Amino acid sequence: MIAKTILPDMQIRLQLSDPICWRSVSDSIHALLGYSANDIQQGRVTFSSVIHPDDKDIATVIFSSGLEEASGDFNFRMRQASGRIRCLKGHYEKHEIRSVIA
């Protein structure tokens, strides 16, 4: 028997600061992790709290503010709202944002 689950794509934007902060998330985050986009955007769920403790070092390297590796693939575990752990694979791209003060 084979079980197949098709999950929606999830897009997130992160502020690459210390600590890493959510900027925006797609509504599909609920299907993947069980958190509402609103809970995340209101700060009730932190990025650090959903990364598996053993994968925090990987996430820190991937999501560092440097542009040395501006894009790539990742594979790490995230904690669902239920407490279960989900392994996620994805692709990231870093973009420098320049502030303009007029």
PDB file of N, CA and C in Angstrom:
ATOM      1  N   MET A   1       0.850  -1.168   0.000  1.00  0.00           N
ATOM      2  CA  MET A   1       0.000   0.000   0.000  1.00  0.00           C
ATOM      3  C   MET A   1       0.897   1.233   0.000  1.00  0.00           C
ATOM      4  N   ILE A   2       0.522   2.206  -0.776  1.00  0.00           N
ATOM      5  CA  ILE A   2       1.259   3.464  -0.846  1.00  0.00           C
ATOM      6  C   ILE A   2       0.298   4.596  -0.517  1.00  0.00           C
ATOM      7  N   ALA A   3       0.724   5.463   0.356  1.00  0.00           N
ATOM      8  CA  ALA A   3      -0.070   6.649   0.678  1.00  0.00           C
ATOM      9  C   ALA A   3       0.629   7.858   0.087  1.00  0.00           C
ATOM     10  N   LYS A   4      -0.134   8.704  -0.515  1.00  0.00           N
ATOM     11  CA  LYS A   4       0.441   9.909  -1.109  1.00  0.00           C
ATOM     12  C   LYS A   4      -0.330  11.109  -0.589  1.00  0.00           C
ATOM     13  N   THR A   5       0.398  12.075  -0.131  1.00  0.00           N
ATOM     14  CA  THR A   5      -0.206  13.308   0.348  1.00  0.00           C
ATOM     15  C   THR A   5       0.316  14.449  -0.501  1.00  0.00           C
ATOM     16  N   ILE A   6      -0.587  15.226  -1.029  1.00  0.00           N
ATOM     17  CA  ILE A   6      -0.189  16.399  -1.801  1.00  0.00           C
ATOM     18  C   ILE A   6      -0.424  17.621  -0.927  1.00  0.00           C
ATOM     19  N   LEU A   7       0.639  18.328  -0.678  1.00  0.00           N
ATOM     20  CA  LEU A   7       0.560  19.506   0.177  1.00  0.00           C
ATOM     21  C   LEU A   7       0.717  20.760  -0.663  1.00  0.00           C
ATOM     22  N   PRO A   8       0.061  21.819  -0.255  1.00  0.00           N
ATOM     23  CA  PRO A   8       0.188  23.068  -1.003  1.00  0.00           C
ATOM     24  C   PRO A   8       1.571  23.687  -0.813  1.00  0.00           C
ATOM     25  N   ASP A   9       1.957  24.495  -1.773  1.00  0.00           N
ATOM     26  CA  ASP A   9       3.199  25.249  -1.625  1.00  0.00           C
ATOM     27  C   ASP A   9       3.031  26.276  -0.523  1.00  0.00           C
ATOM     28  N   MET A  10       4.101  26.524   0.183  1.00  0.00           N
ATOM     29  CA  MET A  10       4.086  27.540   1.221  1.00  0.00           C
ATOM     30  C   MET A  10       5.165  28.552   0.883  1.00  0.00           C
ATOM     31  N   GLN A  11       4.812  29.809   0.914  1.00  0.00           N
ATOM     32  CA  GLN A  11       5.797  30.856   0.702  1.00  0.00           C
ATOM     33  C   GLN A  11       5.886  31.696   1.963  1.00  0.00           C
ATOM     34  N   ILE A  12       7.123  31.932   2.381  1.00  0.00           N
ATOM     35  CA  ILE A  12       7.341  32.785   3.545  1.00  0.00           C
ATOM     36  C   ILE A  12       8.393  33.825   3.197  1.00  0.00           C
ATOM     37  N   ARG A  13       8.296  34.944   3.866  1.00  0.00           N
ATOM     38  CA  ARG A  13       9.326  35.981   3.776  1.00  0.00           C
ATOM     39  C   ARG A  13       9.830  36.190   5.191  1.00  0.00           C
ATOM     40  N   LEU A  14      11.145  36.215   5.321  1.00  0.00           N
ATOM     41  CA  LEU A  14      11.767  36.369   6.628  1.00  0.00           C
ATOM     42  C   LEU A  14      12.618  37.619   6.664  1.00  0.00           C
ATOM     43  N   GLN A  15      12.650  38.266   7.815  1.00  0.00           N
ATOM     44  CA  GLN A  15      13.589  39.352   8.071  1.00  0.00           C
ATOM     45  C   GLN A  15      14.835  38.686   8.630  1.00  0.00           C
ATOM     46  N   LEU A  16      15.941  38.773   7.896  1.00  0.00           N
ATOM     47  CA  LEU A  16      17.168  38.086   8.308  1.00  0.00           C
ATOM     48  C   LEU A  16      17.904  38.928   9.341  1.00  0.00           C
ATOM     49  N   SER A  17      17.379  38.888  10.537  1.00  0.00           N
ATOM     50  CA  SER A  17      17.923  39.646  11.661  1.00  0.00           C
ATOM     51  C   SER A  17      18.178  38.651  12.793  1.00  0.00           C
ATOM     52  N   ASP A  18      18.554  39.145  13.934  1.00  0.00           N
ATOM     53  CA  ASP A  18      18.749  38.285  15.088  1.00  0.00           C
ATOM     54  C   ASP A  18      17.806  38.749  16.188  1.00  0.00           C
ATOM     55  N   PRO A  19      16.720  38.056  16.442  1.00  0.00           N
ATOM     56  CA  PRO A  19      16.332  36.775  15.879  1.00  0.00           C
ATOM     57  C   PRO A  19      15.677  36.930  14.496  1.00  0.00           C
ATOM     58  N   ILE A  20      15.617  35.825  13.760  1.00  0.00           N
ATOM     59  CA  ILE A  20      14.942  35.808  12.462  1.00  0.00           C
ATOM     60  C   ILE A  20      13.458  36.019  12.706  1.00  0.00           C
ATOM     61  N   CYS A  21      12.853  36.909  11.935  1.00  0.00           N
ATOM     62  CA  CYS A  21      11.437  37.243  12.126  1.00  0.00           C
ATOM     63  C   CYS A  21      10.646  36.985  10.848  1.00  0.00           C
ATOM     64  N   TRP A  22       9.406  36.559  11.024  1.00  0.00           N
ATOM     65  CA  TRP A  22       8.498  36.406   9.889  1.00  0.00           C
ATOM     66  C   TRP A  22       8.176  37.781   9.325  1.00  0.00           C
ATOM     67  N   ARG A  23       8.159  37.941   8.036  1.00  0.00           N
ATOM     68  CA  ARG A  23       7.662  39.160   7.381  1.00  0.00           C
ATOM     69  C   ARG A  23       6.267  38.904   6.824  1.00  0.00           C
ATOM     70  N   SER A  24       6.099  37.758   6.170  1.00  0.00           N
ATOM     71  CA  SER A  24       4.786  37.361   5.661  1.00  0.00           C
ATOM     72  C   SER A  24       4.795  35.862   5.411  1.00  0.00           C
ATOM     73  N   VAL A  25       3.610  35.280   5.410  1.00  0.00           N
ATOM     74  CA  VAL A  25       3.456  33.855   5.114  1.00  0.00           C
ATOM     75  C   VAL A  25       2.199  33.672   4.280  1.00  0.00           C
ATOM     76  N   SER A  26       2.192  32.640   3.460  1.00  0.00           N
ATOM     77  CA  SER A  26       0.994  32.337   2.684  1.00  0.00           C
ATOM     78  C   SER A  26       0.005  31.582   3.572  1.00  0.00           C
ATOM     79  N   ASP A  27      -1.271  31.653   3.210  1.00  0.00           N
ATOM     80  CA  ASP A  27      -2.306  30.979   3.997  1.00  0.00           C
ATOM     81  C   ASP A  27      -2.107  29.472   4.056  1.00  0.00           C
ATOM     82  N   SER A  28      -1.362  28.914   3.104  1.00  0.00           N
ATOM     83  CA  SER A  28      -1.141  27.464   3.079  1.00  0.00           C
ATOM     84  C   SER A  28      -0.293  26.979   4.253  1.00  0.00           C
ATOM     85  N   ILE A  29       0.248  27.896   5.034  1.00  0.00           N
ATOM     86  CA  ILE A  29       1.024  27.479   6.201  1.00  0.00           C
ATOM     87  C   ILE A  29       0.154  26.690   7.173  1.00  0.00           C
ATOM     88  N   HIS A  30      -1.137  26.989   7.189  1.00  0.00           N
ATOM     89  CA  HIS A  30      -2.037  26.267   8.089  1.00  0.00           C
ATOM     90  C   HIS A  30      -2.088  24.783   7.728  1.00  0.00           C
ATOM     91  N   ALA A  31      -2.175  24.460   6.437  1.00  0.00           N
ATOM     92  CA  ALA A  31      -2.228  23.058   6.009  1.00  0.00           C
ATOM     93  C   ALA A  31      -0.920  22.328   6.310  1.00  0.00           C
ATOM     94  N   LEU A  32       0.189  23.039   6.254  1.00  0.00           N
ATOM     95  CA  LEU A  32       1.490  22.406   6.475  1.00  0.00           C
ATOM     96  C   LEU A  32       1.872  22.313   7.946  1.00  0.00           C
ATOM     97  N   LEU A  33       1.642  23.382   8.677  1.00  0.00           N
ATOM     98  CA  LEU A  33       2.129  23.431  10.058  1.00  0.00           C
ATOM     99  C   LEU A  33       1.043  23.600  11.115  1.00  0.00           C
ATOM    100  N   GLY A  34      -0.179  23.932  10.694  1.00  0.00           N
ATOM    101  CA  GLY A  34      -1.268  24.056  11.656  1.00  0.00           C
ATOM    102  C   GLY A  34      -1.400  25.415  12.313  1.00  0.00           C
ATOM    103  N   TYR A  35      -0.558  26.359  11.939  1.00  0.00           N
ATOM    104  CA  TYR A  35      -0.647  27.722  12.469  1.00  0.00           C
ATOM    105  C   TYR A  35      -1.364  28.596  11.451  1.00  0.00           C
ATOM    106  N   SER A  36      -2.150  29.535  11.918  1.00  0.00           N
ATOM    107  CA  SER A  36      -2.784  30.459  10.979  1.00  0.00           C
ATOM    108  C   SER A  36      -1.776  31.537  10.582  1.00  0.00           C
ATOM    109  N   ALA A  37      -1.939  32.033   9.370  1.00  0.00           N
ATOM    110  CA  ALA A  37      -1.075  33.122   8.903  1.00  0.00           C
ATOM    111  C   ALA A  37      -1.204  34.312   9.843  1.00  0.00           C
ATOM    112  N   ASN A  38      -2.401  34.549  10.360  1.00  0.00           N
ATOM    113  CA  ASN A  38      -2.631  35.671  11.263  1.00  0.00           C
ATOM    114  C   ASN A  38      -1.842  35.506  12.564  1.00  0.00           C
ATOM    115  N   ASP A  39      -1.829  34.294  13.130  1.00  0.00           N
ATOM    116  CA  ASP A  39      -1.064  34.058  14.363  1.00  0.00           C
ATOM    117  C   ASP A  39       0.416  34.350  14.154  1.00  0.00           C
ATOM    118  N   ILE A  40       0.932  33.967  13.005  1.00  0.00           N
ATOM    119  CA  ILE A  40       2.344  34.205  12.714  1.00  0.00           C
ATOM    120  C   ILE A  40       2.606  35.687  12.505  1.00  0.00           C
ATOM    121  N   GLN A  41       1.771  36.330  11.717  1.00  0.00           N
ATOM    122  CA  GLN A  41       1.998  37.743  11.413  1.00  0.00           C
ATOM    123  C   GLN A  41       1.777  38.635  12.623  1.00  0.00           C
ATOM    124  N   GLN A  42       0.981  38.186  13.582  1.00  0.00           N
ATOM    125  CA  GLN A  42       0.758  38.955  14.807  1.00  0.00           C
ATOM    126  C   GLN A  42       1.822  38.671  15.867  1.00  0.00           C
ATOM    127  N   GLY A  43       2.776  37.787  15.547  1.00  0.00           N
ATOM    128  CA  GLY A  43       3.875  37.514  16.467  1.00  0.00           C
ATOM    129  C   GLY A  43       3.584  36.479  17.533  1.00  0.00           C
ATOM    130  N   ARG A  44       2.463  35.774  17.428  1.00  0.00           N
ATOM    131  CA  ARG A  44       2.135  34.758  18.428  1.00  0.00           C
ATOM    132  C   ARG A  44       2.940  33.477  18.234  1.00  0.00           C
ATOM    133  N   VAL A  45       3.537  33.316  17.042  1.00  0.00           N
ATOM    134  CA  VAL A  45       4.383  32.157  16.742  1.00  0.00           C
ATOM    135  C   VAL A  45       5.691  32.689  16.178  1.00  0.00           C
ATOM    136  N   THR A  46       6.803  32.381  16.821  1.00  0.00           N
ATOM    137  CA  THR A  46       8.095  32.860  16.327  1.00  0.00           C
ATOM    138  C   THR A  46       8.723  31.828  15.395  1.00  0.00           C
ATOM    139  N   PHE A  47       9.567  32.310  14.496  1.00  0.00           N
ATOM    140  CA  PHE A  47      10.264  31.408  13.580  1.00  0.00           C
ATOM    141  C   PHE A  47      11.121  30.422  14.369  1.00  0.00           C
ATOM    142  N   SER A  48      11.809  30.905  15.358  1.00  0.00           N
ATOM    143  CA  SER A  48      12.686  30.057  16.170  1.00  0.00           C
ATOM    144  C   SER A  48      11.914  28.939  16.867  1.00  0.00           C
ATOM    145  N   SER A  49      10.673  29.212  17.259  1.00  0.00           N
ATOM    146  CA  SER A  49       9.900  28.210  18.000  1.00  0.00           C
ATOM    147  C   SER A  49       9.430  27.051  17.132  1.00  0.00           C
ATOM    148  N   VAL A  50       9.399  27.215  15.819  1.00  0.00           N
ATOM    149  CA  VAL A  50       8.926  26.127  14.959  1.00  0.00           C
ATOM    150  C   VAL A  50      10.057  25.309  14.345  1.00  0.00           C
ATOM    151  N   ILE A  51      11.286  25.791  14.425  1.00  0.00           N
ATOM    152  CA  ILE A  51      12.425  25.034  13.901  1.00  0.00           C
ATOM    153  C   ILE A  51      12.811  23.955  14.910  1.00  0.00           C
ATOM    154  N   HIS A  52      12.988  22.745  14.445  1.00  0.00           N
ATOM    155  CA  HIS A  52      13.402  21.646  15.321  1.00  0.00           C
ATOM    156  C   HIS A  52      14.728  22.028  15.987  1.00  0.00           C
ATOM    157  N   PRO A  53      14.869  21.790  17.291  1.00  0.00           N
ATOM    158  CA  PRO A  53      16.100  22.190  17.992  1.00  0.00           C
ATOM    159  C   PRO A  53      17.384  21.667  17.345  1.00  0.00           C
ATOM    160  N   ASP A  54      17.345  20.461  16.802  1.00  0.00           N
ATOM    161  CA  ASP A  54      18.547  19.899  16.180  1.00  0.00           C
ATOM    162  C   ASP A  54      18.851  20.507  14.812  1.00  0.00           C
ATOM    163  N   ASP A  55      17.919  21.284  14.263  1.00  0.00           N
ATOM    164  CA  ASP A  55      18.116  21.899  12.946  1.00  0.00           C
ATOM    165  C   ASP A  55      18.302  23.412  13.016  1.00  0.00           C
ATOM    166  N   LYS A  56      18.325  23.961  14.230  1.00  0.00           N
ATOM    167  CA  LYS A  56      18.470  25.417  14.359  1.00  0.00           C
ATOM    168  C   LYS A  56      19.792  25.910  13.798  1.00  0.00           C
ATOM    169  N   ASP A  57      20.853  25.106  13.938  1.00  0.00           N
ATOM    170  CA  ASP A  57      22.140  25.524  13.383  1.00  0.00           C
ATOM    171  C   ASP A  57      22.085  25.585  11.860  1.00  0.00           C
ATOM    172  N   ILE A  58      21.373  24.655  11.235  1.00  0.00           N
ATOM    173  CA  ILE A  58      21.211  24.668   9.779  1.00  0.00           C
ATOM    174  C   ILE A  58      20.434  25.905   9.352  1.00  0.00           C
ATOM    175  N   ALA A  59      19.323  26.169  10.038  1.00  0.00           N
ATOM    176  CA  ALA A  59      18.500  27.331   9.697  1.00  0.00           C
ATOM    177  C   ALA A  59      19.274  28.628   9.893  1.00  0.00           C
ATOM    178  N   THR A  60      20.092  28.689  10.935  1.00  0.00           N
ATOM    179  CA  THR A  60      20.887  29.893  11.186  1.00  0.00           C
ATOM    180  C   THR A  60      21.854  30.156  10.044  1.00  0.00           C
ATOM    181  N   VAL A  61      22.488  29.117   9.536  1.00  0.00           N
ATOM    182  CA  VAL A  61      23.420  29.279   8.415  1.00  0.00           C
ATOM    183  C   VAL A  61      22.672  29.667   7.143  1.00  0.00           C
ATOM    184  N   ILE A  62      21.600  28.939   6.849  1.00  0.00           N
ATOM    185  CA  ILE A  62      20.841  29.210   5.622  1.00  0.00           C
ATOM    186  C   ILE A  62      20.280  30.621   5.632  1.00  0.00           C
ATOM    187  N   PHE A  63      19.714  31.019   6.750  1.00  0.00           N
ATOM    188  CA  PHE A  63      19.036  32.306   6.823  1.00  0.00           C
ATOM    189  C   PHE A  63      19.885  33.385   7.479  1.00  0.00           C
ATOM    190  N   SER A  64      21.199  33.297   7.328  1.00  0.00           N
ATOM    191  CA  SER A  64      22.069  34.379   7.788  1.00  0.00           C
ATOM    192  C   SER A  64      21.864  35.573   6.865  1.00  0.00           C
ATOM    193  N   SER A  65      22.218  36.741   7.331  1.00  0.00           N
ATOM    194  CA  SER A  65      21.963  37.949   6.540  1.00  0.00           C
ATOM    195  C   SER A  65      22.949  38.142   5.399  1.00  0.00           C
ATOM    196  N   GLY A  66      24.029  37.382   5.353  1.00  0.00           N
ATOM    197  CA  GLY A  66      24.998  37.516   4.266  1.00  0.00           C
ATOM    198  C   GLY A  66      24.449  37.001   2.947  1.00  0.00           C
ATOM    199  N   LEU A  67      24.958  37.555   1.869  1.00  0.00           N
ATOM    200  CA  LEU A  67      24.505  37.145   0.543  1.00  0.00           C
ATOM    201  C   LEU A  67      25.482  36.184  -0.135  1.00  0.00           C
ATOM    202  N   GLU A  68      26.414  35.595   0.637  1.00  0.00           N
ATOM    203  CA  GLU A  68      27.387  34.681   0.040  1.00  0.00           C
ATOM    204  C   GLU A  68      26.680  33.565  -0.722  1.00  0.00           C
ATOM    205  N   GLU A  69      25.683  32.983  -0.112  1.00  0.00           N
ATOM    206  CA  GLU A  69      24.859  31.982  -0.780  1.00  0.00           C
ATOM    207  C   GLU A  69      23.463  32.566  -0.876  1.00  0.00           C
ATOM    208  N   ALA A  70      23.209  33.262  -1.980  1.00  0.00           N
ATOM    209  CA  ALA A  70      21.961  34.003  -2.130  1.00  0.00           C
ATOM    210  C   ALA A  70      20.773  33.112  -2.465  1.00  0.00           C
ATOM    211  N   SER A  71      21.019  31.874  -2.840  1.00  0.00           N
ATOM    212  CA  SER A  71      19.916  30.956  -3.100  1.00  0.00           C
ATOM    213  C   SER A  71      20.408  29.527  -2.929  1.00  0.00           C
ATOM    214  N   GLY A  72      19.469  28.640  -2.727  1.00  0.00           N
ATOM    215  CA  GLY A  72      19.822  27.236  -2.566  1.00  0.00           C
ATOM    216  C   GLY A  72      18.627  26.431  -2.095  1.00  0.00           C
ATOM    217  N   ASP A  73      18.856  25.187  -1.828  1.00  0.00           N
ATOM    218  CA  ASP A  73      17.808  24.294  -1.348  1.00  0.00           C
ATOM    219  C   ASP A  73      18.044  23.992   0.127  1.00  0.00           C
ATOM    220  N   PHE A  74      16.967  23.688   0.828  1.00  0.00           N
ATOM    221  CA  PHE A  74      17.101  23.339   2.239  1.00  0.00           C
ATOM    222  C   PHE A  74      16.247  22.119   2.551  1.00  0.00           C
ATOM    223  N   ASN A  75      16.572  21.501   3.657  1.00  0.00           N
ATOM    224  CA  ASN A  75      15.840  20.358   4.166  1.00  0.00           C
ATOM    225  C   ASN A  75      16.004  20.386   5.678  1.00  0.00           C
ATOM    226  N   PHE A  76      14.953  20.775   6.393  1.00  0.00           N
ATOM    227  CA  PHE A  76      15.010  20.739   7.847  1.00  0.00           C
ATOM    228  C   PHE A  76      13.627  20.481   8.409  1.00  0.00           C
ATOM    229  N   ARG A  77      13.593  20.253   9.711  1.00  0.00           N
ATOM    230  CA  ARG A  77      12.348  19.890  10.380  1.00  0.00           C
ATOM    231  C   ARG A  77      11.732  21.099  11.075  1.00  0.00           C
ATOM    232  N   MET A  78      10.399  21.137  11.013  1.00  0.00           N
ATOM    233  CA  MET A  78       9.654  22.195  11.690  1.00  0.00           C
ATOM    234  C   MET A  78       8.573  21.551  12.553  1.00  0.00           C
ATOM    235  N   ARG A  79       8.289  22.211  13.651  1.00  0.00           N
ATOM    236  CA  ARG A  79       7.291  21.715  14.603  1.00  0.00           C
ATOM    237  C   ARG A  79       5.909  22.252  14.212  1.00  0.00           C
ATOM    238  N   GLN A  80       4.952  21.338  14.095  1.00  0.00           N
ATOM    239  CA  GLN A  80       3.582  21.728  13.810  1.00  0.00           C
ATOM    240  C   GLN A  80       2.916  22.234  15.085  1.00  0.00           C
ATOM    241  N   ALA A  81       1.789  22.896  14.939  1.00  0.00           N
ATOM    242  CA  ALA A  81       1.049  23.398  16.095  1.00  0.00           C
ATOM    243  C   ALA A  81       0.660  22.252  17.031  1.00  0.00           C
ATOM    244  N   SER A  82       0.447  21.072  16.481  1.00  0.00           N
ATOM    245  CA  SER A  82       0.075  19.898  17.280  1.00  0.00           C
ATOM    246  C   SER A  82       1.256  19.316  18.053  1.00  0.00           C
ATOM    247  N   GLY A  83       2.474  19.789  17.748  1.00  0.00           N
ATOM    248  CA  GLY A  83       3.670  19.262  18.385  1.00  0.00           C
ATOM    249  C   GLY A  83       4.396  18.226  17.533  1.00  0.00           C
ATOM    250  N   ARG A  84       3.731  17.725  16.509  1.00  0.00           N
ATOM    251  CA  ARG A  84       4.378  16.767  15.608  1.00  0.00           C
ATOM    252  C   ARG A  84       5.463  17.477  14.808  1.00  0.00           C
ATOM    253  N   ILE A  85       6.431  16.703  14.344  1.00  0.00           N
ATOM    254  CA  ILE A  85       7.543  17.245  13.565  1.00  0.00           C
ATOM    255  C   ILE A  85       7.325  16.904  12.099  1.00  0.00           C
ATOM    256  N   ARG A  86       7.512  17.894  11.245  1.00  0.00           N
ATOM    257  CA  ARG A  86       7.371  17.695   9.799  1.00  0.00           C
ATOM    258  C   ARG A  86       8.682  18.073   9.126  1.00  0.00           C
ATOM    259  N   CYS A  87       9.156  17.205   8.239  1.00  0.00           N
ATOM    260  CA  CYS A  87      10.366  17.481   7.468  1.00  0.00           C
ATOM    261  C   CYS A  87       9.963  18.256   6.215  1.00  0.00           C
ATOM    262  N   LEU A  88      10.586  19.389   6.008  1.00  0.00           N
ATOM    263  CA  LEU A  88      10.267  20.229   4.855  1.00  0.00           C
ATOM    264  C   LEU A  88      11.477  20.382   3.955  1.00  0.00           C
ATOM    265  N   LYS A  89      11.228  20.310   2.673  1.00  0.00           N
ATOM    266  CA  LYS A  89      12.243  20.598   1.666  1.00  0.00           C
ATOM    267  C   LYS A  89      11.783  21.839   0.929  1.00  0.00           C
ATOM    268  N   GLY A  90      12.720  22.667   0.564  1.00  0.00           N
ATOM    269  CA  GLY A  90      12.331  23.868  -0.145  1.00  0.00           C
ATOM    270  C   GLY A  90      13.501  24.550  -0.811  1.00  0.00           C
ATOM    271  N   HIS A  91      13.223  25.692  -1.345  1.00  0.00           N
ATOM    272  CA  HIS A  91      14.215  26.512  -2.027  1.00  0.00           C
ATOM    273  C   HIS A  91      14.143  27.905  -1.424  1.00  0.00           C
ATOM    274  N   TYR A  92      15.289  28.532  -1.244  1.00  0.00           N
ATOM    275  CA  TYR A  92      15.299  29.895  -0.718  1.00  0.00           C
ATOM    276  C   TYR A  92      16.046  30.813  -1.666  1.00  0.00           C
ATOM    277  N   GLU A  93      15.665  32.074  -1.630  1.00  0.00           N
ATOM    278  CA  GLU A  93      16.354  33.139  -2.360  1.00  0.00           C
ATOM    279  C   GLU A  93      16.452  34.334  -1.435  1.00  0.00           C
ATOM    280  N   LYS A  94      17.634  34.904  -1.342  1.00  0.00           N
ATOM    281  CA  LYS A  94      17.846  36.090  -0.514  1.00  0.00           C
ATOM    282  C   LYS A  94      17.881  37.318  -1.410  1.00  0.00           C
ATOM    283  N   HIS A  95      17.227  38.367  -0.950  1.00  0.00           N
ATOM    284  CA  HIS A  95      17.219  39.629  -1.679  1.00  0.00           C
ATOM    285  C   HIS A  95      17.558  40.748  -0.713  1.00  0.00           C
ATOM    286  N   GLU A  96      18.455  41.594  -1.115  1.00  0.00           N
ATOM    287  CA  GLU A  96      18.809  42.739  -0.283  1.00  0.00           C
ATOM    288  C   GLU A  96      17.737  43.800  -0.449  1.00  0.00           C
ATOM    289  N   ILE A  97      17.278  44.330   0.658  1.00  0.00           N
ATOM    290  CA  ILE A  97      16.276  45.391   0.635  1.00  0.00           C
ATOM    291  C   ILE A  97      16.956  46.671   1.066  1.00  0.00           C
ATOM    292  N   ARG A  98      16.853  47.649   0.231  1.00  0.00           N
ATOM    293  CA  ARG A  98      17.464  48.943   0.548  1.00  0.00           C
ATOM    294  C   ARG A  98      16.377  49.922   0.942  1.00  0.00           C
ATOM    295  N   SER A  99      16.607  50.590   2.032  1.00  0.00           N
ATOM    296  CA  SER A  99      15.657  51.598   2.497  1.00  0.00           C
ATOM    297  C   SER A  99      15.993  52.935   1.864  1.00  0.00           C
ATOM    298  N   VAL A 100      14.963  53.624   1.473  1.00  0.00           N
ATOM    299  CA  VAL A 100      15.140  54.956   0.905  1.00  0.00           C
ATOM    300  C   VAL A 100      14.398  55.931   1.801  1.00  0.00           C
ATOM    301  N   ILE A 101      15.111  56.908   2.290  1.00  0.00           N
ATOM    302  CA  ILE A 101      14.497  57.933   3.133  1.00  0.00           C
ATOM    303  C   ILE A 101      14.436  59.211   2.318  1.00  0.00           C
ATOM    304  N   ALA A 102      13.237  59.729   2.188  1.00  0.00           N
ATOM    305  CA  ALA A 102      13.068  60.948   1.386  1.00  0.00           C
ATOM    306  C   ALA A 102      12.827  62.137   2.276  1.00  0.00           C
TER     307      ALA A 102
END
